[in-house]
Protein backbone atom coordinates (compact mmCIF):
# COMPACT_ATOMS: atom_id res chain seq x y z
CA UNK A 1 10.90 7.18 -1.34
CA UNK A 2 8.58 9.09 -0.10
CA UNK A 3 7.36 9.36 4.21
CA UNK A 4 3.74 11.10 4.44
CA UNK A 5 1.32 10.98 6.84
CA UNK A 6 -1.97 9.51 7.43
CA UNK A 7 -5.69 11.22 8.65
CA UNK A 8 -6.77 8.65 10.64
CA UNK A 9 -10.08 8.34 13.01
CA UNK A 10 -9.59 7.21 17.03
CA UNK A 11 -10.26 3.80 16.98
CA UNK A 12 -8.19 2.67 13.40
CA UNK A 13 -5.12 4.15 15.54
CA UNK A 14 -5.43 2.11 18.74
CA UNK A 15 -5.71 -0.96 15.88
CA UNK A 16 -3.13 0.46 14.12
CA UNK A 17 -1.27 0.30 17.19
CA UNK A 18 -1.87 -3.00 18.08
CA UNK A 19 -0.66 -4.20 14.45
CA UNK A 20 -3.86 -4.83 12.41
CA UNK A 21 -3.10 -3.15 9.16
CA UNK A 22 -3.13 -5.47 6.08
CA UNK A 23 -1.34 -3.02 2.85
CA UNK A 24 -1.05 -5.77 0.93
CA UNK A 25 -4.10 -4.78 -1.92
CA UNK A 26 -3.43 -1.26 -1.32
CA UNK A 27 -2.56 1.55 -3.55
CA UNK A 28 -2.42 5.03 -3.20
CA UNK A 29 -4.01 7.37 -5.72
CA UNK A 30 -3.42 11.37 -6.58
CA UNK A 31 -7.35 13.40 -6.74
CA UNK A 32 -7.70 16.83 -6.84
CA UNK A 33 -3.68 17.70 -5.63
CA UNK A 34 -3.74 15.51 -2.45
CA UNK A 35 -2.86 11.65 -1.93
CA UNK A 36 -5.05 9.28 -0.86
CA UNK A 37 -4.60 5.93 -0.01
CA UNK A 38 -7.16 3.49 -0.51
CA UNK A 39 -7.45 -0.44 -0.15
CA UNK A 40 -6.03 -0.41 3.56
CA UNK A 41 -7.57 -2.75 5.89
CA UNK A 42 -7.97 -2.25 9.40
CA UNK A 43 -9.59 -4.38 11.65
CA UNK A 44 -11.57 -2.99 14.27
CA UNK A 45 -10.35 -3.76 17.93
CA UNK A 46 -12.88 -5.23 19.67
CA UNK A 47 -12.93 -3.06 22.67
CA UNK A 48 -12.82 0.02 20.33
CA UNK A 49 -15.98 2.23 20.69
CA UNK A 50 -19.83 1.13 20.25
CA UNK A 51 -21.11 4.22 18.78
CA UNK A 52 -19.42 4.84 16.00
CA UNK A 53 -19.79 2.16 12.84
CA UNK A 54 -16.25 1.64 11.57
CA UNK A 55 -15.22 1.46 8.03
CA UNK A 56 -12.34 -1.27 7.46
CA UNK A 57 -11.28 -0.14 4.08
CA UNK A 58 -12.03 3.58 4.20
CA UNK A 59 -9.79 6.05 1.83
CA UNK A 60 -7.89 7.73 4.32
CA UNK A 61 -5.95 10.98 3.63
CA UNK A 62 -2.00 11.29 3.11
CA UNK A 63 -0.31 14.38 4.62
CA UNK A 64 2.83 14.89 2.06
CA UNK A 65 4.61 18.39 1.64
CA UNK A 66 3.94 20.38 -1.98
CA UNK A 67 7.21 19.55 -3.26
CA UNK A 68 7.00 15.98 -3.15
CA UNK A 69 3.38 15.79 -3.89
CA UNK A 70 4.35 17.71 -6.86
CA UNK A 71 7.20 14.92 -7.46
CA UNK A 72 4.87 12.02 -6.88
CA UNK A 73 2.23 13.75 -9.73
CA UNK A 74 4.52 14.68 -12.04
CA UNK A 75 5.88 10.61 -12.21
CA UNK A 76 2.36 9.48 -12.28
CA UNK A 77 1.06 11.86 -15.41
CA UNK A 78 4.53 11.99 -17.49
CA UNK A 79 6.17 8.38 -16.65
CA UNK A 80 3.51 6.08 -15.85
CA UNK A 81 4.37 5.43 -12.77
CA UNK A 82 1.70 4.12 -9.67
CA UNK A 83 2.40 4.95 -6.24
CA UNK A 84 2.61 2.16 -3.60
CA UNK A 85 2.70 1.72 -0.18
CA UNK A 86 6.03 -0.26 1.40
CA UNK A 87 5.17 0.17 5.12
CA UNK A 88 4.20 1.62 8.26
CA UNK A 89 5.88 2.42 11.14
CA UNK A 90 5.81 5.21 14.25
CA UNK A 91 7.78 9.14 14.84
CA UNK A 92 7.37 10.43 18.09
CA UNK A 93 3.52 8.80 18.32
CA UNK A 94 2.49 9.66 14.52
CA UNK A 95 1.69 7.52 11.87
CA UNK A 96 4.20 7.34 8.86
CA UNK A 97 3.53 4.86 5.97
CA UNK A 98 6.94 5.00 3.52
CA UNK A 99 5.81 5.03 -0.33
CA UNK A 100 7.61 4.77 -3.28
CA UNK A 101 7.11 4.54 -7.00
CA UNK A 102 6.30 1.21 -8.75
CA UNK A 103 5.97 0.89 -12.26
CA UNK A 104 4.60 -1.94 -13.80
CA UNK A 105 5.48 -5.03 -15.83
CA UNK A 106 5.31 -5.15 -19.67
CA UNK A 107 3.93 -8.35 -21.25
CA UNK A 108 6.79 -10.09 -22.28
CA UNK A 109 7.72 -9.78 -18.35
CA UNK A 110 4.82 -11.92 -17.11
CA UNK A 111 5.34 -14.28 -19.82
CA UNK A 112 9.06 -14.90 -19.06
CA UNK A 113 8.28 -14.70 -15.68
CA UNK A 114 4.95 -17.77 -15.74
CA UNK A 115 7.51 -19.53 -18.82
CA UNK A 116 10.64 -19.26 -15.94
CA UNK A 117 7.36 -20.16 -12.51
CA UNK A 118 6.45 -23.12 -15.19
CA UNK A 119 9.52 -24.51 -15.59
CA UNK A 120 10.67 -24.74 -11.92
CA UNK A 121 7.14 -26.82 -11.36
CA UNK A 122 7.98 -28.47 -14.02
CA UNK A 123 11.40 -29.61 -13.54
CA UNK A 124 10.77 -30.07 -9.32
CA UNK A 125 7.68 -32.44 -10.01
CA UNK A 126 10.60 -34.55 -12.92
CA UNK A 127 12.94 -34.58 -9.80
CA UNK A 128 10.05 -35.93 -7.32
CA UNK A 129 9.60 -39.22 -9.80
CA UNK A 130 13.31 -40.15 -10.03
């Protein structure tokens, strides 16, 4: 797990303070030795500035130390990991993002989960009928 800072615009900070962020479909990519947060949805406040057009899913640059970034790059390129955001919180008035490395499931793991889910559904249906 790593802690990264975020480069944000003013309206995004206000929205984050109000808790208007969705990290569910977001992920982190490495491009030109920089980490970027993609797919995070920040809903603008209604009272936000009217002279700018807020982009809700704008890509945001992550601020990491060089050693942390090199570890992440190594894990992604060599070991096939993916970087995912875990949570967002505040430290001393600064927005921080907790990120972690994740490995995708293999095909046989997905099949086992699907088979188990189907069995649980069938079992509940049988128990309901009596």
